[in-house]
């Protein structure tokens, strides 16, 4: 029985290539920030919008996560903030794992780890 399974061991499925898709553009991540704070009317949101426009790498966006979490939890609750930041973390993780120019090693810690 075991010998029948032997040919499948060691075979790996090829990693999907996403080089030319929209999900591997920084705008994809910036849009997720905007979506997370879309229902909030606060001057901090305006300042965050300006800061988002100057971000040039996923590392810059990663450092803005805590500000986003604070803004959302101030206007809603920590549960809502955690949900929205978790969705952002998923997209950030996908971006750095699949983009040819970035790696998750460039981020201070894994993007899935919340620091607030």
PDB file of N, CA and C in Angstrom:
ATOM      1  N   UNK A   1       0.833  -1.191   0.000  1.00  0.00           N
ATOM      2  CA  UNK A   1       0.000   0.000   0.000  1.00  0.00           C
ATOM      3  C   UNK A   1       0.874   1.250   0.000  1.00  0.00           C
ATOM      4  N   UNK A   2       1.837   1.284   0.901  1.00  0.00           N
ATOM      5  CA  UNK A   2       2.690   2.458   1.006  1.00  0.00           C
ATOM      6  C   UNK A   2       3.477   2.700  -0.275  1.00  0.00           C
ATOM      7  N   UNK A   3       3.905   1.641  -0.921  1.00  0.00           N
ATOM      8  CA  UNK A   3       4.702   1.788  -2.136  1.00  0.00           C
ATOM      9  C   UNK A   3       3.905   2.392  -3.282  1.00  0.00           C
ATOM     10  N   UNK A   4       2.593   2.217  -3.267  1.00  0.00           N
ATOM     11  CA  UNK A   4       1.751   2.843  -4.290  1.00  0.00           C
ATOM     12  C   UNK A   4       1.712   4.362  -4.145  1.00  0.00           C
ATOM     13  N   UNK A   5       1.819   4.844  -2.924  1.00  0.00           N
ATOM     14  CA  UNK A   5       1.764   6.280  -2.664  1.00  0.00           C
ATOM     15  C   UNK A   5       3.105   6.964  -2.902  1.00  0.00           C
ATOM     16  N   UNK A   6       4.161   6.198  -2.973  1.00  0.00           N
ATOM     17  CA  UNK A   6       5.503   6.747  -3.095  1.00  0.00           C
ATOM     18  C   UNK A   6       5.690   7.718  -4.255  1.00  0.00           C
ATOM     19  N   UNK A   7       5.140   7.477  -5.445  1.00  0.00           N
ATOM     20  CA  UNK A   7       5.341   8.435  -6.542  1.00  0.00           C
ATOM     21  C   UNK A   7       4.771   9.824  -6.265  1.00  0.00           C
ATOM     22  N   UNK A   8       3.762   9.939  -5.397  1.00  0.00           N
ATOM     23  CA  UNK A   8       3.163  11.249  -5.136  1.00  0.00           C
ATOM     24  C   UNK A   8       3.939  12.053  -4.101  1.00  0.00           C
ATOM     25  N   UNK A   9       4.745  11.390  -3.305  1.00  0.00           N
ATOM     26  CA  UNK A   9       5.563  12.122  -2.353  1.00  0.00           C
ATOM     27  C   UNK A   9       6.648  12.873  -3.109  1.00  0.00           C
ATOM     28  N   UNK A  10       6.922  14.051  -2.710  1.00  0.00           N
ATOM     29  CA  UNK A  10       7.959  14.839  -3.366  1.00  0.00           C
ATOM     30  C   UNK A  10       7.454  15.652  -4.540  1.00  0.00           C
ATOM     31  N   UNK A  11       6.256  15.333  -5.022  1.00  0.00           N
ATOM     32  CA  UNK A  11       5.696  16.144  -6.102  1.00  0.00           C
ATOM     33  C   UNK A  11       5.066  17.378  -5.479  1.00  0.00           C
ATOM     34  N   UNK A  12       5.400  18.519  -5.999  1.00  0.00           N
ATOM     35  CA  UNK A  12       4.811  19.751  -5.494  1.00  0.00           C
ATOM     36  C   UNK A  12       4.044  20.408  -6.617  1.00  0.00           C
ATOM     37  N   UNK A  13       2.998  21.056  -6.248  1.00  0.00           N
ATOM     38  CA  UNK A  13       2.232  21.777  -7.254  1.00  0.00           C
ATOM     39  C   UNK A  13       2.948  23.081  -7.542  1.00  0.00           C
ATOM     40  N   UNK A  14       2.997  23.480  -8.784  1.00  0.00           N
ATOM     41  CA  UNK A  14       3.695  24.731  -9.101  1.00  0.00           C
ATOM     42  C   UNK A  14       2.976  25.924  -8.479  1.00  0.00           C
ATOM     43  N   UNK A  15       3.766  26.869  -8.010  1.00  0.00           N
ATOM     44  CA  UNK A  15       3.219  28.071  -7.396  1.00  0.00           C
ATOM     45  C   UNK A  15       2.604  28.958  -8.473  1.00  0.00           C
ATOM     46  N   UNK A  16       1.429  29.448  -8.207  1.00  0.00           N
ATOM     47  CA  UNK A  16       0.743  30.295  -9.179  1.00  0.00           C
ATOM     48  C   UNK A  16       1.529  31.581  -9.407  1.00  0.00           C
ATOM     49  N   UNK A  17       1.560  32.023 -10.620  1.00  0.00           N
ATOM     50  CA  UNK A  17       2.260  33.253 -10.985  1.00  0.00           C
ATOM     51  C   UNK A  17       1.236  34.375 -11.148  1.00  0.00           C
ATOM     52  N   UNK A  18       1.424  35.456 -10.434  1.00  0.00           N
ATOM     53  CA  UNK A  18       0.497  36.575 -10.464  1.00  0.00           C
ATOM     54  C   UNK A  18       1.182  37.855 -10.914  1.00  0.00           C
ATOM     55  N   UNK A  19       2.168  37.759 -11.767  1.00  0.00           N
ATOM     56  CA  UNK A  19       3.004  38.906 -12.102  1.00  0.00           C
ATOM     57  C   UNK A  19       2.250  40.077 -12.717  1.00  0.00           C
ATOM     58  N   UNK A  20       1.223  39.837 -13.510  1.00  0.00           N
ATOM     59  CA  UNK A  20       0.586  40.921 -14.238  1.00  0.00           C
ATOM     60  C   UNK A  20      -0.842  41.197 -13.785  1.00  0.00           C
ATOM     61  N   UNK A  21      -1.192  40.832 -12.586  1.00  0.00           N
ATOM     62  CA  UNK A  21      -2.568  41.026 -12.149  1.00  0.00           C
ATOM     63  C   UNK A  21      -2.674  42.229 -11.225  1.00  0.00           C
ATOM     64  N   UNK A  22      -3.875  42.714 -11.100  1.00  0.00           N
ATOM     65  CA  UNK A  22      -4.141  43.899 -10.280  1.00  0.00           C
ATOM     66  C   UNK A  22      -3.803  43.658  -8.809  1.00  0.00           C
ATOM     67  N   UNK A  23      -3.948  42.433  -8.327  1.00  0.00           N
ATOM     68  CA  UNK A  23      -3.735  42.166  -6.907  1.00  0.00           C
ATOM     69  C   UNK A  23      -2.285  42.326  -6.492  1.00  0.00           C
ATOM     70  N   UNK A  24      -1.386  42.485  -7.427  1.00  0.00           N
ATOM     71  CA  UNK A  24       0.010  42.675  -7.081  1.00  0.00           C
ATOM     72  C   UNK A  24       0.476  44.094  -7.334  1.00  0.00           C
ATOM     73  N   UNK A  25      -0.429  45.034  -7.205  1.00  0.00           N
ATOM     74  CA  UNK A  25      -0.083  46.444  -7.287  1.00  0.00           C
ATOM     75  C   UNK A  25      -0.318  47.064  -5.919  1.00  0.00           C
ATOM     76  N   UNK A  26       0.503  48.037  -5.585  1.00  0.00           N
ATOM     77  CA  UNK A  26       0.365  48.707  -4.283  1.00  0.00           C
ATOM     78  C   UNK A  26      -1.021  49.339  -4.133  1.00  0.00           C
ATOM     79  N   UNK A  27      -1.602  49.777  -5.235  1.00  0.00           N
ATOM     80  CA  UNK A  27      -2.937  50.379  -5.168  1.00  0.00           C
ATOM     81  C   UNK A  27      -3.967  49.410  -4.601  1.00  0.00           C
ATOM     82  N   UNK A  28      -3.772  48.129  -4.844  1.00  0.00           N
ATOM     83  CA  UNK A  28      -4.657  47.103  -4.306  1.00  0.00           C
ATOM     84  C   UNK A  28      -4.659  47.149  -2.777  1.00  0.00           C
ATOM     85  N   UNK A  29      -3.488  47.311  -2.180  1.00  0.00           N
ATOM     86  CA  UNK A  29      -3.393  47.384  -0.725  1.00  0.00           C
ATOM     87  C   UNK A  29      -3.894  48.721  -0.190  1.00  0.00           C
ATOM     88  N   UNK A  30      -3.568  49.797  -0.898  1.00  0.00           N
ATOM     89  CA  UNK A  30      -4.023  51.127  -0.475  1.00  0.00           C
ATOM     90  C   UNK A  30      -5.547  51.190  -0.511  1.00  0.00           C
ATOM     91  N   UNK A  31      -6.154  50.590  -1.538  1.00  0.00           N
ATOM     92  CA  UNK A  31      -7.615  50.554  -1.622  1.00  0.00           C
ATOM     93  C   UNK A  31      -8.227  49.821  -0.437  1.00  0.00           C
ATOM     94  N   UNK A  32      -7.555  48.790   0.044  1.00  0.00           N
ATOM     95  CA  UNK A  32      -8.057  48.066   1.217  1.00  0.00           C
ATOM     96  C   UNK A  32      -8.016  48.956   2.460  1.00  0.00           C
ATOM     97  N   UNK A  33      -6.992  49.778   2.602  1.00  0.00           N
ATOM     98  CA  UNK A  33      -6.947  50.755   3.699  1.00  0.00           C
ATOM     99  C   UNK A  33      -8.141  51.702   3.600  1.00  0.00           C
ATOM    100  N   UNK A  34      -8.376  52.224   2.401  1.00  0.00           N
ATOM    101  CA  UNK A  34      -9.491  53.163   2.211  1.00  0.00           C
ATOM    102  C   UNK A  34     -10.831  52.499   2.508  1.00  0.00           C
ATOM    103  N   UNK A  35     -10.979  51.259   2.085  1.00  0.00           N
ATOM    104  CA  UNK A  35     -12.228  50.540   2.334  1.00  0.00           C
ATOM    105  C   UNK A  35     -12.433  50.303   3.829  1.00  0.00           C
ATOM    106  N   UNK A  36     -11.360  50.035   4.549  1.00  0.00           N
ATOM    107  CA  UNK A  36     -11.454  49.763   5.987  1.00  0.00           C
ATOM    108  C   UNK A  36     -11.903  50.991   6.781  1.00  0.00           C
ATOM    109  N   UNK A  37     -11.570  52.181   6.285  1.00  0.00           N
ATOM    110  CA  UNK A  37     -11.947  53.390   7.026  1.00  0.00           C
ATOM    111  C   UNK A  37     -12.966  54.242   6.270  1.00  0.00           C
ATOM    112  N   UNK A  38     -13.661  53.658   5.313  1.00  0.00           N
ATOM    113  CA  UNK A  38     -14.588  54.413   4.462  1.00  0.00           C
ATOM    114  C   UNK A  38     -15.758  55.028   5.228  1.00  0.00           C
ATOM    115  N   UNK A  39     -16.234  54.370   6.264  1.00  0.00           N
ATOM    116  CA  UNK A  39     -17.409  54.865   6.983  1.00  0.00           C
ATOM    117  C   UNK A  39     -17.056  55.776   8.153  1.00  0.00           C
ATOM    118  N   UNK A  40     -15.821  56.203   8.245  1.00  0.00           N
ATOM    119  CA  UNK A  40     -15.366  57.032   9.365  1.00  0.00           C
ATOM    120  C   UNK A  40     -15.133  58.457   8.880  1.00  0.00           C
ATOM    121  N   UNK A  41     -15.723  59.397   9.570  1.00  0.00           N
ATOM    122  CA  UNK A  41     -15.526  60.821   9.282  1.00  0.00           C
ATOM    123  C   UNK A  41     -14.713  61.411  10.425  1.00  0.00           C
ATOM    124  N   UNK A  42     -13.440  61.608  10.179  1.00  0.00           N
ATOM    125  CA  UNK A  42     -12.537  62.087  11.211  1.00  0.00           C
ATOM    126  C   UNK A  42     -11.357  62.770  10.527  1.00  0.00           C
ATOM    127  N   UNK A  43     -10.827  63.845  11.111  1.00  0.00           N
ATOM    128  CA  UNK A  43      -9.647  64.493  10.516  1.00  0.00           C
ATOM    129  C   UNK A  43      -8.433  63.547  10.406  1.00  0.00           C
ATOM    130  N   UNK A  44      -8.344  62.577  11.292  1.00  0.00           N
ATOM    131  CA  UNK A  44      -7.245  61.616  11.230  1.00  0.00           C
ATOM    132  C   UNK A  44      -7.314  60.818   9.931  1.00  0.00           C
ATOM    133  N   UNK A  45      -8.530  60.547   9.472  1.00  0.00           N
ATOM    134  CA  UNK A  45      -8.710  59.828   8.205  1.00  0.00           C
ATOM    135  C   UNK A  45      -8.099  60.618   7.053  1.00  0.00           C
ATOM    136  N   UNK A  46      -8.278  61.918   7.055  1.00  0.00           N
ATOM    137  CA  UNK A  46      -7.702  62.760   6.005  1.00  0.00           C
ATOM    138  C   UNK A  46      -6.182  62.712   6.041  1.00  0.00           C
ATOM    139  N   UNK A  47      -5.612  62.756   7.243  1.00  0.00           N
ATOM    140  CA  UNK A  47      -4.152  62.670   7.366  1.00  0.00           C
ATOM    141  C   UNK A  47      -3.639  61.295   6.946  1.00  0.00           C
ATOM    142  N   UNK A  48      -4.394  60.250   7.277  1.00  0.00           N
ATOM    143  CA  UNK A  48      -3.996  58.908   6.857  1.00  0.00           C
ATOM    144  C   UNK A  48      -4.058  58.770   5.340  1.00  0.00           C
ATOM    145  N   UNK A  49      -5.063  59.384   4.731  1.00  0.00           N
ATOM    146  CA  UNK A  49      -5.175  59.356   3.276  1.00  0.00           C
ATOM    147  C   UNK A  49      -3.938  59.986   2.641  1.00  0.00           C
ATOM    148  N   UNK A  50      -3.504  61.111   3.174  1.00  0.00           N
ATOM    149  CA  UNK A  50      -2.308  61.779   2.648  1.00  0.00           C
ATOM    150  C   UNK A  50      -1.068  60.901   2.853  1.00  0.00           C
ATOM    151  N   UNK A  51      -0.979  60.244   4.010  1.00  0.00           N
ATOM    152  CA  UNK A  51       0.163  59.373   4.278  1.00  0.00           C
ATOM    153  C   UNK A  51       0.160  58.148   3.362  1.00  0.00           C
ATOM    154  N   UNK A  52      -1.027  57.633   3.068  1.00  0.00           N
ATOM    155  CA  UNK A  52      -1.128  56.477   2.169  1.00  0.00           C
ATOM    156  C   UNK A  52      -0.632  56.816   0.767  1.00  0.00           C
ATOM    157  N   UNK A  53      -0.853  58.038   0.348  1.00  0.00           N
ATOM    158  CA  UNK A  53      -0.420  58.440  -0.993  1.00  0.00           C
ATOM    159  C   UNK A  53       1.112  58.469  -1.113  1.00  0.00           C
ATOM    160  N   UNK A  54       1.800  58.598   0.012  1.00  0.00           N
ATOM    161  CA  UNK A  54       3.259  58.651  -0.040  1.00  0.00           C
ATOM    162  C   UNK A  54       3.925  57.297   0.226  1.00  0.00           C
ATOM    163  N   UNK A  55       3.139  56.275   0.532  1.00  0.00           N
ATOM    164  CA  UNK A  55       3.701  54.941   0.785  1.00  0.00           C
ATOM    165  C   UNK A  55       4.256  54.357  -0.511  1.00  0.00           C
ATOM    166  N   UNK A  56       5.453  53.794  -0.410  1.00  0.00           N
ATOM    167  CA  UNK A  56       6.092  53.238  -1.597  1.00  0.00           C
ATOM    168  C   UNK A  56       6.409  51.753  -1.484  1.00  0.00           C
ATOM    169  N   UNK A  57       6.175  51.156  -0.333  1.00  0.00           N
ATOM    170  CA  UNK A  57       6.454  49.735  -0.170  1.00  0.00           C
ATOM    171  C   UNK A  57       5.461  49.139   0.824  1.00  0.00           C
ATOM    172  N   UNK A  58       5.338  47.819   0.834  1.00  0.00           N
ATOM    173  CA  UNK A  58       4.468  47.175   1.831  1.00  0.00           C
ATOM    174  C   UNK A  58       4.913  47.464   3.262  1.00  0.00           C
ATOM    175  N   UNK A  59       6.198  47.680   3.446  1.00  0.00           N
ATOM    176  CA  UNK A  59       6.711  47.995   4.786  1.00  0.00           C
ATOM    177  C   UNK A  59       6.113  49.308   5.287  1.00  0.00           C
ATOM    178  N   UNK A  60       6.000  50.314   4.405  1.00  0.00           N
ATOM    179  CA  UNK A  60       5.372  51.584   4.788  1.00  0.00           C
ATOM    180  C   UNK A  60       3.925  51.368   5.203  1.00  0.00           C
ATOM    181  N   UNK A  61       3.215  50.541   4.449  1.00  0.00           N
ATOM    182  CA  UNK A  61       1.813  50.255   4.781  1.00  0.00           C
ATOM    183  C   UNK A  61       1.706  49.479   6.092  1.00  0.00           C
ATOM    184  N   UNK A  62       2.650  48.586   6.309  1.00  0.00           N
ATOM    185  CA  UNK A  62       2.608  47.776   7.522  1.00  0.00           C
ATOM    186  C   UNK A  62       2.671  48.658   8.761  1.00  0.00           C
ATOM    187  N   UNK A  63       3.478  49.713   8.711  1.00  0.00           N
ATOM    188  CA  UNK A  63       3.597  50.596   9.866  1.00  0.00           C
ATOM    189  C   UNK A  63       2.341  51.441  10.089  1.00  0.00           C
ATOM    190  N   UNK A  64       1.493  51.557   9.093  1.00  0.00           N
ATOM    191  CA  UNK A  64       0.254  52.327   9.247  1.00  0.00           C
ATOM    192  C   UNK A  64      -0.894  51.497   9.809  1.00  0.00           C
ATOM    193  N   UNK A  65      -0.701  50.194   9.920  1.00  0.00           N
ATOM    194  CA  UNK A  65      -1.762  49.322  10.412  1.00  0.00           C
ATOM    195  C   UNK A  65      -2.223  49.704  11.816  1.00  0.00           C
ATOM    196  N   UNK A  66      -1.284  50.038  12.687  1.00  0.00           N
ATOM    197  CA  UNK A  66      -1.672  50.361  14.065  1.00  0.00           C
ATOM    198  C   UNK A  66      -2.487  51.649  14.119  1.00  0.00           C
ATOM    199  N   UNK A  67      -2.162  52.607  13.262  1.00  0.00           N
ATOM    200  CA  UNK A  67      -2.959  53.838  13.203  1.00  0.00           C
ATOM    201  C   UNK A  67      -4.364  53.548  12.692  1.00  0.00           C
ATOM    202  N   UNK A  68      -4.457  52.668  11.712  1.00  0.00           N
ATOM    203  CA  UNK A  68      -5.761  52.270  11.193  1.00  0.00           C
ATOM    204  C   UNK A  68      -6.569  51.556  12.262  1.00  0.00           C
ATOM    205  N   UNK A  69      -5.925  50.658  12.988  1.00  0.00           N
ATOM    206  CA  UNK A  69      -6.615  49.944  14.058  1.00  0.00           C
ATOM    207  C   UNK A  69      -7.134  50.925  15.106  1.00  0.00           C
ATOM    208  N   UNK A  70      -6.310  51.882  15.513  1.00  0.00           N
ATOM    209  CA  UNK A  70      -6.731  52.875  16.502  1.00  0.00           C
ATOM    210  C   UNK A  70      -7.895  53.722  16.016  1.00  0.00           C
ATOM    211  N   UNK A  71      -7.858  54.126  14.764  1.00  0.00           N
ATOM    212  CA  UNK A  71      -8.940  54.937  14.196  1.00  0.00           C
ATOM    213  C   UNK A  71     -10.252  54.167  14.163  1.00  0.00           C
ATOM    214  N   UNK A  72     -10.202  52.928  13.710  1.00  0.00           N
ATOM    215  CA  UNK A  72     -11.425  52.122  13.618  1.00  0.00           C
ATOM    216  C   UNK A  72     -11.971  51.806  15.005  1.00  0.00           C
ATOM    217  N   UNK A  73     -11.105  51.441  15.937  1.00  0.00           N
ATOM    218  CA  UNK A  73     -11.590  51.096  17.278  1.00  0.00           C
ATOM    219  C   UNK A  73     -12.128  52.319  18.012  1.00  0.00           C
ATOM    220  N   UNK A  74     -11.646  53.505  17.671  1.00  0.00           N
ATOM    221  CA  UNK A  74     -12.165  54.731  18.282  1.00  0.00           C
ATOM    222  C   UNK A  74     -13.607  54.996  17.839  1.00  0.00           C
ATOM    223  N   UNK A  75     -13.916  54.696  16.585  1.00  0.00           N
ATOM    224  CA  UNK A  75     -15.239  54.996  16.045  1.00  0.00           C
ATOM    225  C   UNK A  75     -16.197  53.810  16.063  1.00  0.00           C
ATOM    226  N   UNK A  76     -15.677  52.608  16.212  1.00  0.00           N
ATOM    227  CA  UNK A  76     -16.529  51.421  16.274  1.00  0.00           C
ATOM    228  C   UNK A  76     -16.185  50.670  17.559  1.00  0.00           C
ATOM    229  N   UNK A  77     -15.541  49.550  17.447  1.00  0.00           N
ATOM    230  CA  UNK A  77     -15.069  48.791  18.609  1.00  0.00           C
ATOM    231  C   UNK A  77     -13.856  47.979  18.176  1.00  0.00           C
ATOM    232  N   UNK A  78     -13.170  47.384  19.140  1.00  0.00           N
ATOM    233  CA  UNK A  78     -11.966  46.626  18.817  1.00  0.00           C
ATOM    234  C   UNK A  78     -12.266  45.410  17.959  1.00  0.00           C
ATOM    235  N   UNK A  79     -13.442  44.834  18.121  1.00  0.00           N
ATOM    236  CA  UNK A  79     -13.812  43.670  17.315  1.00  0.00           C
ATOM    237  C   UNK A  79     -13.897  44.037  15.837  1.00  0.00           C
ATOM    238  N   UNK A  80     -14.545  45.147  15.542  1.00  0.00           N
ATOM    239  CA  UNK A  80     -14.653  45.617  14.154  1.00  0.00           C
ATOM    240  C   UNK A  80     -13.264  45.958  13.620  1.00  0.00           C
ATOM    241  N   UNK A  81     -12.460  46.618  14.437  1.00  0.00           N
ATOM    242  CA  UNK A  81     -11.102  46.977  14.021  1.00  0.00           C
ATOM    243  C   UNK A  81     -10.275  45.728  13.741  1.00  0.00           C
ATOM    244  N   UNK A  82     -10.381  44.729  14.589  1.00  0.00           N
ATOM    245  CA  UNK A  82      -9.629  43.486  14.383  1.00  0.00           C
ATOM    246  C   UNK A  82     -10.045  42.793  13.094  1.00  0.00           C
ATOM    247  N   UNK A  83     -11.333  42.775  12.812  1.00  0.00           N
ATOM    248  CA  UNK A  83     -11.835  42.146  11.590  1.00  0.00           C
ATOM    249  C   UNK A  83     -11.299  42.853  10.353  1.00  0.00           C
ATOM    250  N   UNK A  84     -11.365  44.161  10.365  1.00  0.00           N
ATOM    251  CA  UNK A  84     -10.917  44.920   9.192  1.00  0.00           C
ATOM    252  C   UNK A  84      -9.407  44.841   8.998  1.00  0.00           C
ATOM    253  N   UNK A  85      -8.654  44.912  10.076  1.00  0.00           N
ATOM    254  CA  UNK A  85      -7.201  44.825   9.971  1.00  0.00           C
ATOM    255  C   UNK A  85      -6.781  43.404   9.585  1.00  0.00           C
ATOM    256  N   UNK A  86      -7.523  42.402  10.041  1.00  0.00           N
ATOM    257  CA  UNK A  86      -7.217  41.017   9.656  1.00  0.00           C
ATOM    258  C   UNK A  86      -7.397  40.822   8.151  1.00  0.00           C
ATOM    259  N   UNK A  87      -8.444  41.432   7.589  1.00  0.00           N
ATOM    260  CA  UNK A  87      -8.655  41.359   6.145  1.00  0.00           C
ATOM    261  C   UNK A  87      -7.504  42.044   5.404  1.00  0.00           C
ATOM    262  N   UNK A  88      -7.073  43.178   5.917  1.00  0.00           N
ATOM    263  CA  UNK A  88      -5.924  43.873   5.337  1.00  0.00           C
ATOM    264  C   UNK A  88      -4.663  43.014   5.446  1.00  0.00           C
ATOM    265  N   UNK A  89      -4.471  42.361   6.576  1.00  0.00           N
ATOM    266  CA  UNK A  89      -3.308  41.498   6.780  1.00  0.00           C
ATOM    267  C   UNK A  89      -3.279  40.351   5.774  1.00  0.00           C
ATOM    268  N   UNK A  90      -4.446  39.773   5.494  1.00  0.00           N
ATOM    269  CA  UNK A  90      -4.506  38.694   4.510  1.00  0.00           C
ATOM    270  C   UNK A  90      -4.043  39.179   3.143  1.00  0.00           C
ATOM    271  N   UNK A  91      -4.504  40.335   2.758  1.00  0.00           N
ATOM    272  CA  UNK A  91      -4.117  40.867   1.449  1.00  0.00           C
ATOM    273  C   UNK A  91      -2.646  41.269   1.427  1.00  0.00           C
ATOM    274  N   UNK A  92      -2.163  41.796   2.537  1.00  0.00           N
ATOM    275  CA  UNK A  92      -0.751  42.157   2.620  1.00  0.00           C
ATOM    276  C   UNK A  92       0.128  40.910   2.549  1.00  0.00           C
ATOM    277  N   UNK A  93      -0.267  39.854   3.243  1.00  0.00           N
ATOM    278  CA  UNK A  93       0.473  38.592   3.214  1.00  0.00           C
ATOM    279  C   UNK A  93       0.489  38.029   1.784  1.00  0.00           C
ATOM    280  N   UNK A  94      -0.663  38.026   1.131  1.00  0.00           N
ATOM    281  CA  UNK A  94      -0.729  37.529  -0.250  1.00  0.00           C
ATOM    282  C   UNK A  94       0.184  38.352  -1.156  1.00  0.00           C
ATOM    283  N   UNK A  95       0.158  39.663  -0.978  1.00  0.00           N
ATOM    284  CA  UNK A  95       0.962  40.553  -1.815  1.00  0.00           C
ATOM    285  C   UNK A  95       2.452  40.257  -1.674  1.00  0.00           C
ATOM    286  N   UNK A  96       2.954  40.218  -0.448  1.00  0.00           N
ATOM    287  CA  UNK A  96       4.400  40.024  -0.269  1.00  0.00           C
ATOM    288  C   UNK A  96       4.835  38.595  -0.599  1.00  0.00           C
ATOM    289  N   UNK A  97       3.935  37.633  -0.451  1.00  0.00           N
ATOM    290  CA  UNK A  97       4.286  36.255  -0.790  1.00  0.00           C
ATOM    291  C   UNK A  97       4.349  36.019  -2.293  1.00  0.00           C
ATOM    292  N   UNK A  98       3.586  36.767  -3.071  1.00  0.00           N
ATOM    293  CA  UNK A  98       3.476  36.506  -4.496  1.00  0.00           C
ATOM    294  C   UNK A  98       4.119  37.542  -5.401  1.00  0.00           C
ATOM    295  N   UNK A  99       4.441  38.687  -4.879  1.00  0.00           N
ATOM    296  CA  UNK A  99       5.032  39.732  -5.716  1.00  0.00           C
ATOM    297  C   UNK A  99       6.513  39.429  -5.931  1.00  0.00           C
ATOM    298  N   UNK A 100       6.986  39.534  -7.165  1.00  0.00           N
ATOM    299  CA  UNK A 100       8.392  39.198  -7.427  1.00  0.00           C
ATOM    300  C   UNK A 100       9.394  40.199  -6.844  1.00  0.00           C
ATOM    301  N   UNK A 101       8.969  41.420  -6.541  1.00  0.00           N
ATOM    302  CA  UNK A 101       9.891  42.445  -6.051  1.00  0.00           C
ATOM    303  C   UNK A 101       9.943  42.569  -4.537  1.00  0.00           C
ATOM    304  N   UNK A 102       9.037  41.925  -3.827  1.00  0.00           N
ATOM    305  CA  UNK A 102       8.975  42.040  -2.373  1.00  0.00           C
ATOM    306  C   UNK A 102       8.997  40.650  -1.747  1.00  0.00           C
ATOM    307  N   UNK A 103       9.454  40.607  -0.505  1.00  0.00           N
ATOM    308  CA  UNK A 103       9.376  39.341   0.235  1.00  0.00           C
ATOM    309  C   UNK A 103       8.900  39.643   1.646  1.00  0.00           C
ATOM    310  N   UNK A 104       8.345  38.637   2.285  1.00  0.00           N
ATOM    311  CA  UNK A 104       7.835  38.834   3.648  1.00  0.00           C
ATOM    312  C   UNK A 104       8.967  39.059   4.641  1.00  0.00           C
ATOM    313  N   UNK A 105      10.203  38.755   4.248  1.00  0.00           N
ATOM    314  CA  UNK A 105      11.351  39.008   5.118  1.00  0.00           C
ATOM    315  C   UNK A 105      11.617  40.495   5.297  1.00  0.00           C
ATOM    316  N   UNK A 106      11.130  41.325   4.369  1.00  0.00           N
ATOM    317  CA  UNK A 106      11.350  42.764   4.459  1.00  0.00           C
ATOM    318  C   UNK A 106      10.496  43.411   5.540  1.00  0.00           C
ATOM    319  N   UNK A 107       9.410  42.746   5.913  1.00  0.00           N
ATOM    320  CA  UNK A 107       8.531  43.307   6.933  1.00  0.00           C
ATOM    321  C   UNK A 107       9.134  43.068   8.310  1.00  0.00           C
ATOM    322  N   UNK A 108       8.913  43.993   9.239  1.00  0.00           N
ATOM    323  CA  UNK A 108       9.500  43.859  10.584  1.00  0.00           C
ATOM    324  C   UNK A 108       9.131  42.554  11.267  1.00  0.00           C
ATOM    325  N   UNK A 109       7.874  42.143  11.163  1.00  0.00           N
ATOM    326  CA  UNK A 109       7.423  40.828  11.629  1.00  0.00           C
ATOM    327  C   UNK A 109       6.393  40.377  10.625  1.00  0.00           C
ATOM    328  N   UNK A 110       5.894  39.177  10.790  1.00  0.00           N
ATOM    329  CA  UNK A 110       4.862  38.687   9.874  1.00  0.00           C
ATOM    330  C   UNK A 110       3.656  39.598   9.891  1.00  0.00           C
ATOM    331  N   UNK A 111       3.086  39.919   8.737  1.00  0.00           N
ATOM    332  CA  UNK A 111       1.965  40.837   8.701  1.00  0.00           C
ATOM    333  C   UNK A 111       0.715  40.316   9.389  1.00  0.00           C
ATOM    334  N   UNK A 112       0.641  39.014   9.665  1.00  0.00           N
ATOM    335  CA  UNK A 112      -0.533  38.481  10.326  1.00  0.00           C
ATOM    336  C   UNK A 112      -0.500  38.732  11.838  1.00  0.00           C
ATOM    337  N   UNK A 113       0.636  39.100  12.378  1.00  0.00           N
ATOM    338  CA  UNK A 113       0.755  39.326  13.813  1.00  0.00           C
ATOM    339  C   UNK A 113       0.312  40.753  14.127  1.00  0.00           C
ATOM    340  N   UNK A 114      -0.759  40.884  14.870  1.00  0.00           N
ATOM    341  CA  UNK A 114      -1.278  42.211  15.212  1.00  0.00           C
ATOM    342  C   UNK A 114      -0.478  42.796  16.380  1.00  0.00           C
ATOM    343  N   UNK A 115      -0.056  44.002  16.241  1.00  0.00           N
ATOM    344  CA  UNK A 115       0.619  44.704  17.316  1.00  0.00           C
ATOM    345  C   UNK A 115      -0.135  45.988  17.608  1.00  0.00           C
ATOM    346  N   UNK A 116      -0.833  46.022  18.718  1.00  0.00           N
ATOM    347  CA  UNK A 116      -1.521  47.263  19.086  1.00  0.00           C
ATOM    348  C   UNK A 116      -1.215  47.559  20.523  1.00  0.00           C
TER     349      UNK A 116
END
